[in-house]
C-alpha atoms as a PDB file:
ATOM      1  CA  MET A   1     -26.592-202.072-104.427  1.00  0.00           C
ATOM      2  CA  SER A   2     -25.613-204.316-107.530  1.00  0.00           C
ATOM      3  CA  ARG A   3     -24.594-207.948-106.913  1.00  0.00           C
ATOM      4  CA  LEU A   4     -21.566-209.583-107.883  1.00  0.00           C
ATOM      5  CA  LEU A   5     -21.025-213.331-107.946  1.00  0.00           C
ATOM      6  CA  VAL A   6     -17.446-214.360-107.753  1.00  0.00           C
ATOM      7  CA  ILE A   7     -16.772-217.866-108.894  1.00  0.00           C
ATOM      8  CA  ASP A   8     -13.166-219.295-107.651  1.00  0.00           C
ATOM      9  CA  ASP A   9     -13.132-221.984-110.313  1.00  0.00           C
ATOM     10  CA  VAL A  10     -10.579-224.364-108.803  1.00  0.00           C
ATOM     11  CA  THR A  11     -11.631-227.300-110.848  1.00  0.00           C
ATOM     12  CA  ALA A  12      -9.203-228.561-113.066  1.00  0.00           C
ATOM     13  CA  ARG A  13     -10.030-228.364-116.779  1.00  0.00           C
ATOM     14  CA  PRO A  14      -8.687-228.793-120.124  1.00  0.00           C
ATOM     15  CA  PRO A  15      -8.620-225.309-121.981  1.00  0.00           C
ATOM     16  CA  VAL A  16     -11.179-226.025-124.660  1.00  0.00           C
ATOM     17  CA  PRO A  17     -13.888-226.439-121.693  1.00  0.00           C
ATOM     18  CA  HIS A  18     -12.485-223.501-120.056  1.00  0.00           C
ATOM     19  CA  THR A  19     -12.699-221.303-123.150  1.00  0.00           C
ATOM     20  CA  ALA A  20     -16.284-222.516-123.522  1.00  0.00           C
ATOM     21  CA  LEU A  21     -17.458-221.453-120.099  1.00  0.00           C
ATOM     22  CA  GLY A  22     -17.168-217.909-120.664  1.00  0.00           C
ATOM     23  CA  PRO A  23     -19.648-217.524-123.723  1.00  0.00           C
ATOM     24  CA  ALA A  24     -22.087-220.027-121.554  1.00  0.00           C
ATOM     25  CA  LEU A  25     -21.774-217.911-118.374  1.00  0.00           C
ATOM     26  CA  MET A  26     -22.736-214.923-120.542  1.00  0.00           C
ATOM     27  CA  ARG A  27     -25.769-216.588-121.577  1.00  0.00           C
ATOM     28  CA  TRP A  28     -26.717-217.802-118.409  1.00  0.00           C
ATOM     29  CA  ILE A  29     -26.512-214.070-116.755  1.00  0.00           C
ATOM     30  CA  GLY A  30     -28.596-212.989-119.856  1.00  0.00           C
ATOM     31  CA  ASP A  31     -31.430-215.697-119.171  1.00  0.00           C
ATOM     32  CA  PRO A  32     -34.490-214.358-117.089  1.00  0.00           C
ATOM     33  CA  ALA A  33     -34.283-218.117-115.719  1.00  0.00           C
ATOM     34  CA  SER A  34     -30.908-217.476-114.125  1.00  0.00           C
ATOM     35  CA  ASP A  35     -33.201-215.414-111.440  1.00  0.00           C
ATOM     36  CA  ASP A  36     -35.055-218.544-110.534  1.00  0.00           C
ATOM     37  CA  ASN A  37     -33.147-221.571-108.608  1.00  0.00           C
ATOM     38  CA  ASP A  38     -36.153-223.939-109.240  1.00  0.00           C
ATOM     39  CA  ASP A  39     -35.404-223.017-113.003  1.00  0.00           C
ATOM     40  CA  GLY A  40     -32.116-224.616-112.782  1.00  0.00           C
ATOM     41  CA  GLY A  41     -30.284-221.258-112.742  1.00  0.00           C
ATOM     42  CA  GLY A  42     -27.950-219.696-110.357  1.00  0.00           C
ATOM     43  CA  PRO A  43     -28.661-216.886-107.315  1.00  0.00           C
ATOM     44  CA  PRO A  44     -30.160-213.541-108.513  1.00  0.00           C
ATOM     45  CA  VAL A  45     -27.195-211.509-109.370  1.00  0.00           C
ATOM     46  CA  ASP A  46     -26.490-208.513-111.569  1.00  0.00           C
ATOM     47  CA  GLU A  47     -23.008-209.725-112.690  1.00  0.00           C
ATOM     48  CA  ALA A  48     -20.756-212.712-112.505  1.00  0.00           C
ATOM     49  CA  VAL A  49     -16.980-212.799-112.563  1.00  0.00           C
ATOM     50  CA  ARG A  50     -15.060-216.359-113.116  1.00  0.00           C
ATOM     51  CA  ALA A  51     -11.434-216.416-111.635  1.00  0.00           C
ATOM     52  CA  TRP A  52      -9.329-219.374-112.623  1.00  0.00           C
ATOM     53  CA  ARG A  53      -5.885-220.603-113.269  1.00  0.00           C
ATOM     54  CA  PRO A  54      -5.370-222.322-116.852  1.00  0.00           C
ATOM     55  CA  ASP A  55      -3.214-224.660-118.180  1.00  0.00           C
ATOM     56  CA  PRO A  56      -0.818-223.911-120.884  1.00  0.00           C
ATOM     57  CA  THR A  57      -3.366-222.320-123.666  1.00  0.00           C
ATOM     58  CA  MET A  58      -2.577-220.393-127.062  1.00  0.00           C
ATOM     59  CA  ALA A  59      -6.087-218.667-127.825  1.00  0.00           C
ATOM     60  CA  PHE A  60      -6.456-217.827-131.461  1.00  0.00           C
ATOM     61  CA  THR A  61      -9.172-215.522-132.888  1.00  0.00           C
ATOM     62  CA  GLY A  62     -11.263-216.016-135.687  1.00  0.00           C
ATOM     63  CA  ARG A  63      -9.108-213.802-137.835  1.00  0.00           C
ATOM     64  CA  ASP A  64      -6.023-216.040-136.775  1.00  0.00           C
ATOM     65  CA  CYS A  65      -8.071-219.060-137.932  1.00  0.00           C
ATOM     66  CA  VAL A  66      -8.338-217.720-141.606  1.00  0.00           C
ATOM     67  CA  THR A  67      -4.503-216.476-141.642  1.00  0.00           C
ATOM     68  CA  PRO A  68      -2.111-218.345-143.891  1.00  0.00           C
ATOM     69  CA  GLY A  69       0.314-220.102-141.462  1.00  0.00           C
ATOM     70  CA  ILE A  70      -2.388-220.972-138.919  1.00  0.00           C
ATOM     71  CA  ALA A  71      -1.357-224.765-138.998  1.00  0.00           C
ATOM     72  CA  GLU A  72       1.941-223.935-138.649  1.00  0.00           C
ATOM     73  CA  ALA A  73       1.193-221.855-135.771  1.00  0.00           C
ATOM     74  CA  VAL A  74      -0.782-224.649-134.236  1.00  0.00           C
ATOM     75  CA  VAL A  75       2.255-226.855-134.492  1.00  0.00           C
ATOM     76  CA  ALA A  76       4.300-224.070-133.011  1.00  0.00           C
ATOM     77  CA  ALA A  77       2.058-223.777-129.839  1.00  0.00           C
ATOM     78  CA  GLU A  78       1.795-227.897-129.537  1.00  0.00           C
ATOM     79  CA  ARG A  79       5.495-227.919-129.429  1.00  0.00           C
ATOM     80  CA  HIS A  80       5.749-225.339-126.568  1.00  0.00           C
ATOM     81  CA  GLY A  81       3.264-227.615-124.821  1.00  0.00           C
ATOM     82  CA  TYR A  82       0.462-224.759-125.075  1.00  0.00           C
ATOM     83  CA  VAL A  83      -3.139-226.198-126.244  1.00  0.00           C
ATOM     84  CA  PRO A  84      -4.514-224.240-129.427  1.00  0.00           C
ATOM     85  CA  VAL A  85      -8.258-222.977-128.723  1.00  0.00           C
ATOM     86  CA  ARG A  86     -10.233-220.723-130.654  1.00  0.00           C
ATOM     87  CA  ARG A  87     -11.766-217.838-129.129  1.00  0.00           C
ATOM     88  CA  GLY A  88     -13.791-214.785-130.378  1.00  0.00           C
ATOM     89  CA  PRO A  89     -13.325-213.302-133.780  1.00  0.00           C
ATOM     90  CA  GLY A  90     -11.281-209.900-132.753  1.00  0.00           C
ATOM     91  CA  GLY A  91      -7.458-209.477-131.917  1.00  0.00           C
ATOM     92  CA  ARG A  92      -4.837-211.656-132.442  1.00  0.00           C
ATOM     93  CA  ALA A  93      -3.200-214.788-130.489  1.00  0.00           C
ATOM     94  CA  ALA A  94      -2.653-214.763-126.790  1.00  0.00           C
ATOM     95  CA  GLY A  95      -1.089-217.069-124.919  1.00  0.00           C
ATOM     96  CA  TYR A  96      -1.591-218.092-120.912  1.00  0.00           C
ATOM     97  CA  ASP A  97      -0.418-220.634-118.757  1.00  0.00           C
ATOM     98  CA  ARG A  98      -0.434-221.711-114.795  1.00  0.00           C
ATOM     99  CA  GLY A  99       1.187-218.516-114.261  1.00  0.00           C
ATOM    100  CA  SER A 100      -1.796-216.724-115.624  1.00  0.00           C
ATOM    101  CA  LEU A 101      -5.033-215.098-113.608  1.00  0.00           C
ATOM    102  CA  CYS A 102      -7.838-215.487-116.133  1.00  0.00           C
ATOM    103  CA  LEU A 103     -11.145-213.467-115.435  1.00  0.00           C
ATOM    104  CA  ASP A 104     -14.403-213.718-117.282  1.00  0.00           C
ATOM    105  CA  HIS A 105     -16.847-211.010-116.155  1.00  0.00           C
ATOM    106  CA  VAL A 106     -20.510-211.150-117.504  1.00  0.00           C
ATOM    107  CA  GLY A 107     -23.734-208.846-117.133  1.00  0.00           C
ATOM    108  CA  ARG A 108     -26.950-208.338-118.503  1.00  0.00           C
ATOM    109  CA  THR A 109     -27.264-205.786-121.478  1.00  0.00           C
ATOM    110  CA  GLY A 110     -29.006-202.906-120.499  1.00  0.00           C
ATOM    111  CA  PRO A 111     -31.568-200.836-122.501  1.00  0.00           C
ATOM    112  CA  GLY A 112     -30.040-198.169-124.793  1.00  0.00           C
ATOM    113  CA  THR A 113     -26.957-198.008-126.986  1.00  0.00           C
ATOM    114  CA  PRO A 114     -24.181-200.292-125.618  1.00  0.00           C
ATOM    115  CA  ASP A 115     -21.249-198.577-123.966  1.00  0.00           C
ATOM    116  CA  ILE A 116     -18.646-201.113-125.163  1.00  0.00           C
ATOM    117  CA  THR A 117     -15.653-198.272-124.868  1.00  0.00           C
ATOM    118  CA  GLY A 118     -16.805-197.252-121.397  1.00  0.00           C
ATOM    119  CA  ARG A 119     -16.761-200.715-120.187  1.00  0.00           C
ATOM    120  CA  PHE A 120     -13.282-201.190-121.571  1.00  0.00           C
ATOM    121  CA  ALA A 121     -12.028-198.221-120.012  1.00  0.00           C
ATOM    122  CA  ARG A 122     -14.162-198.812-116.573  1.00  0.00           C
ATOM    123  CA  PHE A 123     -12.466-202.435-116.085  1.00  0.00           C
ATOM    124  CA  ALA A 124      -9.176-201.578-117.538  1.00  0.00           C
ATOM    125  CA  HIS A 125      -8.474-198.593-115.033  1.00  0.00           C
ATOM    126  CA  ARG A 126      -9.853-201.055-112.248  1.00  0.00           C
ATOM    127  CA  PHE A 127      -7.257-203.519-113.318  1.00  0.00           C
ATOM    128  CA  ALA A 128      -4.613-200.883-113.236  1.00  0.00           C
ATOM    129  CA  ASP A 129      -5.656-199.862-109.474  1.00  0.00           C
ATOM    130  CA  ALA A 130      -5.255-203.285-108.651  1.00  0.00           C
ATOM    131  CA  LEU A 131      -1.910-203.811-110.050  1.00  0.00           C
ATOM    132  CA  ARG A 132      -0.970-200.559-108.353  1.00  0.00           C
ATOM    133  CA  ALA A 133      -2.207-201.830-105.027  1.00  0.00           C
ATOM    134  CA  LEU A 134      -0.114-204.838-105.489  1.00  0.00           C
ATOM    135  CA  GLY A 135       3.432-202.651-106.182  1.00  0.00           C
ATOM    136  CA  VAL A 136       3.312-201.963-110.131  1.00  0.00           C
ATOM    137  CA  ASP A 137       3.319-198.573-111.689  1.00  0.00           C
ATOM    138  CA  ALA A 138       0.351-199.609-114.027  1.00  0.00           C
ATOM    139  CA  GLN A 139      -0.743-197.837-117.013  1.00  0.00           C
ATOM    140  CA  VAL A 140      -3.385-198.264-119.263  1.00  0.00           C
ATOM    141  CA  GLY A 141      -2.815-198.563-122.993  1.00  0.00           C
ATOM    142  CA  ALA A 142      -0.675-200.844-125.704  1.00  0.00           C
ATOM    143  CA  VAL A 143       2.910-200.930-125.813  1.00  0.00           C
ATOM    144  CA  PRO A 144       4.695-200.759-129.161  1.00  0.00           C
ATOM    145  CA  GLY A 145       5.065-204.292-130.535  1.00  0.00           C
ATOM    146  CA  GLU A 146       2.714-206.100-127.888  1.00  0.00           C
ATOM    147  CA  TYR A 147       1.025-209.183-128.895  1.00  0.00           C
ATOM    148  CA  CYS A 148      -2.444-208.911-129.438  1.00  0.00           C
ATOM    149  CA  PRO A 149      -2.005-205.230-129.313  1.00  0.00           C
ATOM    150  CA  GLY A 150      -5.065-203.119-127.843  1.00  0.00           C
ATOM    151  CA  ASP A 151      -6.036-199.800-126.399  1.00  0.00           C
ATOM    152  CA  TRP A 152      -7.446-201.201-123.270  1.00  0.00           C
ATOM    153  CA  SER A 153      -4.180-203.542-122.358  1.00  0.00           C
ATOM    154  CA  VAL A 154      -2.476-202.694-119.263  1.00  0.00           C
ATOM    155  CA  ASN A 155       1.336-202.471-118.863  1.00  0.00           C
ATOM    156  CA  ASP A 156       3.905-201.854-116.077  1.00  0.00           C
ATOM    157  CA  GLY A 157       4.928-198.485-116.929  1.00  0.00           C
ATOM    158  CA  ALA A 158       8.200-199.750-118.363  1.00  0.00           C
ATOM    159  CA  GLY A 159       6.899-200.998-121.571  1.00  0.00           C
ATOM    160  CA  HIS A 160       5.945-204.478-120.633  1.00  0.00           C
ATOM    161  CA  LYS A 161       2.446-205.967-121.061  1.00  0.00           C
ATOM    162  CA  LEU A 162       0.828-207.580-118.063  1.00  0.00           C
ATOM    163  CA  LEU A 163      -2.703-208.080-119.025  1.00  0.00           C
ATOM    164  CA  GLY A 164      -5.136-208.013-122.142  1.00  0.00           C
ATOM    165  CA  THR A 165      -8.768-207.391-122.507  1.00  0.00           C
ATOM    166  CA  ALA A 166     -11.463-208.641-124.954  1.00  0.00           C
ATOM    167  CA  GLN A 167     -15.270-208.042-124.960  1.00  0.00           C
ATOM    168  CA  ARG A 168     -18.047-209.657-126.602  1.00  0.00           C
ATOM    169  CA  LEU A 169     -21.938-208.376-126.545  1.00  0.00           C
ATOM    170  CA  THR A 170     -25.052-209.942-127.451  1.00  0.00           C
ATOM    171  CA  ARG A 171     -28.539-208.634-126.936  1.00  0.00           C
ATOM    172  CA  ALA A 172     -28.845-210.029-123.711  1.00  0.00           C
ATOM    173  CA  GLY A 173     -25.551-210.273-122.160  1.00  0.00           C
ATOM    174  CA  TRP A 174     -21.837-209.073-122.108  1.00  0.00           C
ATOM    175  CA  LEU A 175     -18.653-210.895-121.704  1.00  0.00           C
ATOM    176  CA  PHE A 176     -15.462-209.190-120.593  1.00  0.00           C
ATOM    177  CA  SER A 177     -12.548-211.400-120.753  1.00  0.00           C
ATOM    178  CA  SER A 178      -8.858-210.841-119.128  1.00  0.00           C
ATOM    179  CA  VAL A 179      -5.645-212.485-118.682  1.00  0.00           C
ATOM    180  CA  VAL A 180      -3.091-211.290-116.159  1.00  0.00           C
ATOM    181  CA  THR A 181       0.567-212.564-116.555  1.00  0.00           C
ATOM    182  CA  VAL A 182       1.429-213.081-112.980  1.00  0.00           C
ATOM    183  CA  GLY A 183       4.223-215.723-112.936  1.00  0.00           C
ATOM    184  CA  PRO A 184       7.483-215.733-115.131  1.00  0.00           C
ATOM    185  CA  PRO A 185       6.741-214.846-118.557  1.00  0.00           C
ATOM    186  CA  ASP A 186       9.609-216.826-120.206  1.00  0.00           C
ATOM    187  CA  PRO A 187       7.725-219.925-121.321  1.00  0.00           C
ATOM    188  CA  VAL A 188       4.692-217.945-123.111  1.00  0.00           C
ATOM    189  CA  ARG A 189       7.149-215.349-124.430  1.00  0.00           C
ATOM    190  CA  ALA A 190       8.853-218.048-126.226  1.00  0.00           C
ATOM    191  CA  ALA A 191       5.921-219.799-127.440  1.00  0.00           C
ATOM    192  CA  LEU A 192       4.558-216.355-128.938  1.00  0.00           C
ATOM    193  CA  VAL A 193       7.660-215.871-130.624  1.00  0.00           C
ATOM    194  CA  ASP A 194       7.046-218.917-132.749  1.00  0.00           C
ATOM    195  CA  VAL A 195       3.488-218.664-133.100  1.00  0.00           C
ATOM    196  CA  TYR A 196       3.664-214.911-134.369  1.00  0.00           C
ATOM    197  CA  ALA A 197       6.342-216.062-136.869  1.00  0.00           C
ATOM    198  CA  ALA A 198       4.580-218.738-138.094  1.00  0.00           C
ATOM    199  CA  LEU A 199       1.210-216.367-138.340  1.00  0.00           C
ATOM    200  CA  GLY A 200       3.404-213.565-140.280  1.00  0.00           C
ATOM    201  CA  LEU A 201       2.870-211.054-137.481  1.00  0.00           C
ATOM    202  CA  ASP A 202       5.300-208.419-136.349  1.00  0.00           C
ATOM    203  CA  PHE A 203       5.810-208.885-132.301  1.00  0.00           C
ATOM    204  CA  ALA A 204       8.627-207.718-130.019  1.00  0.00           C
ATOM    205  CA  PRO A 205       9.308-210.412-127.342  1.00  0.00           C
ATOM    206  CA  ALA A 206      10.805-208.048-124.675  1.00  0.00           C
ATOM    207  CA  THR A 207       7.197-206.517-124.559  1.00  0.00           C
ATOM    208  CA  VAL A 208       5.884-209.645-122.628  1.00  0.00           C
ATOM    209  CA  GLY A 209       6.170-209.163-118.952  1.00  0.00           C
ATOM    210  CA  SER A 210       4.716-210.261-115.694  1.00  0.00           C
ATOM    211  CA  VAL A 211       3.980-209.203-112.273  1.00  0.00           C
ATOM    212  CA  VAL A 212       6.676-210.977-110.454  1.00  0.00           C
ATOM    213  CA  ASP A 213       8.975-209.309-112.507  1.00  0.00           C
ATOM    214  CA  VAL A 214       8.020-206.141-110.617  1.00  0.00           C
ATOM    215  CA  VAL A 215       6.918-207.531-107.510  1.00  0.00           C
ATOM    216  CA  PRO A 216       9.168-210.612-106.608  1.00  0.00           C
ATOM    217  CA  GLY A 217       7.602-213.205-104.662  1.00  0.00           C
ATOM    218  CA  LEU A 218       4.047-212.345-105.337  1.00  0.00           C
ATOM    219  CA  ARG A 219       1.773-215.532-104.746  1.00  0.00           C
ATOM    220  CA  TRP A 220      -1.025-216.139-107.180  1.00  0.00           C
ATOM    221  CA  ASP A 221      -3.820-216.157-104.974  1.00  0.00           C
ATOM    222  CA  ASP A 222      -2.563-212.593-103.802  1.00  0.00           C
ATOM    223  CA  ALA A 223      -3.096-211.355-107.286  1.00  0.00           C
ATOM    224  CA  LYS A 224      -6.327-212.677-107.643  1.00  0.00           C
ATOM    225  CA  GLU A 225      -7.602-211.295-104.482  1.00  0.00           C
ATOM    226  CA  ALA A 226      -6.370-207.703-105.496  1.00  0.00           C
ATOM    227  CA  PHE A 227      -8.258-208.097-108.778  1.00  0.00           C
ATOM    228  CA  ILE A 228     -11.225-209.292-106.997  1.00  0.00           C
ATOM    229  CA  ALA A 229     -11.045-206.595-104.612  1.00  0.00           C
ATOM    230  CA  ALA A 230     -10.846-204.012-107.579  1.00  0.00           C
ATOM    231  CA  LEU A 231     -14.122-205.378-109.104  1.00  0.00           C
ATOM    232  CA  GLY A 232     -15.910-205.828-106.136  1.00  0.00           C
ATOM    233  CA  ARG A 233     -15.531-202.004-105.117  1.00  0.00           C
ATOM    234  CA  ASP A 234     -19.165-200.634-104.651  1.00  0.00           C
ATOM    235  CA  VAL A 235     -21.170-203.822-104.902  1.00  0.00           C
ATOM    236  CA  ASP A 236     -22.402-206.662-102.862  1.00  0.00           C
ATOM    237  CA  VAL A 237     -20.174-209.595-103.455  1.00  0.00           C
ATOM    238  CA  GLN A 238     -20.829-213.092-103.000  1.00  0.00           C
ATOM    239  CA  ARG A 239     -18.549-216.138-103.506  1.00  0.00           C
ATOM    240  CA  THR A 240     -18.969-219.469-104.434  1.00  0.00           C
ATOM    241  CA  THR A 241     -16.217-222.308-105.850  1.00  0.00           C
ATOM    242  CA  GLU A 242     -18.994-223.853-108.106  1.00  0.00           C
ATOM    243  CA  VAL A 243     -19.842-222.891-111.452  1.00  0.00           C
ATOM    244  CA  PRO A 244     -23.818-223.274-111.874  1.00  0.00           C
ATOM    245  CA  ALA A 245     -24.772-226.412-113.281  1.00  0.00           C
ATOM    246  CA  ALA A 246     -26.855-224.695-116.270  1.00  0.00           C
ATOM    247  CA  VAL A 247     -23.619-222.933-117.267  1.00  0.00           C
ATOM    248  CA  LEU A 248     -21.459-226.084-117.197  1.00  0.00           C
ATOM    249  CA  ALA A 249     -24.388-227.983-119.194  1.00  0.00           C
ATOM    250  CA  GLU A 250     -24.426-225.250-121.673  1.00  0.00           C
ATOM    251  CA  ALA A 251     -20.841-225.179-122.273  1.00  0.00           C
ATOM    252  CA  ALA A 252     -20.596-229.018-122.990  1.00  0.00           C
ATOM    253  CA  GLY A 253     -22.722-228.912-125.746  1.00  0.00           C
ATOM    254  CA  THR A 254     -20.797-226.014-127.534  1.00  0.00           C
ATOM    255  CA  LEU A 255     -16.976-227.490-127.144  1.00  0.00           C
ATOM    256  CA  GLU A 256     -16.479-227.946-130.961  1.00  0.00           C
ATOM    257  CA  GLN A 257     -16.732-224.244-131.841  1.00  0.00           C
ATOM    258  CA  PHE A 258     -13.575-223.557-129.445  1.00  0.00           C
ATOM    259  CA  ARG A 259     -11.556-226.000-131.367  1.00  0.00           C
ATOM    260  CA  VAL A 260      -8.959-224.487-133.757  1.00  0.00           C
ATOM    261  CA  PRO A 261     -10.505-225.812-137.099  1.00  0.00           C
ATOM    262  CA  VAL A 262      -7.413-226.937-139.114  1.00  0.00           C
ATOM    263  CA  ARG A 263      -5.895-230.392-139.572  1.00  0.00           C
ATOM    264  CA  VAL A 264      -2.221-230.670-139.250  1.00  0.00           C
ATOM    265  CA  ALA A 265      -0.498-233.239-141.149  1.00  0.00           C
END
């Protein structure tokens, strides 16, 4: 049976270090030394997922960072209290805050042709199952006009995006990142309106939804447990609240690459 390490990351961290931890975790899981505690690695697991509750963050992609208007978009994000960070190259800006659940899921890259689409489908449908268990009529797929549109978004079945996904792959490992809007969506919606306007991108504000819009009173912790349960089906789950020291050290040396490379006058 495969082994999944669940990291309930409750340590308060600024947005840039949080963003750096996903790729660092991917490199750790893909390093053979991570099977050896004496080598500074972690427990011998096949996959790991880090769950955390972020401070307000506006994650710009590499594509956003070379789009005219990025400086104005950074100002707009900061005006709403969202710290700008730079994430992977694809997609478009995504916002999240204390009402969001962030998941970084990593694993080792196996032999043969990478099944990128299969991984997107597998996790998106598991997340839809988690939302259905909470009482949401969840559907996989983009809704017209959503922010950072993607075929593997998850919506509430009524035209509101609840969850976005992204994937990164190296020869050694893969990183599947997801953000679920659990709490009230008004703050992030307002920030996205101004950020997308600055970037010159089409966006329908009404498509920003949240789980509590469908399930009033839902606690963030209960939402997290539903998602962990969906990911933990048919695997041996181990849990910890500690990010491996090797991952923290790796992330600390890469922070600059996760800052938005613009100077705002």
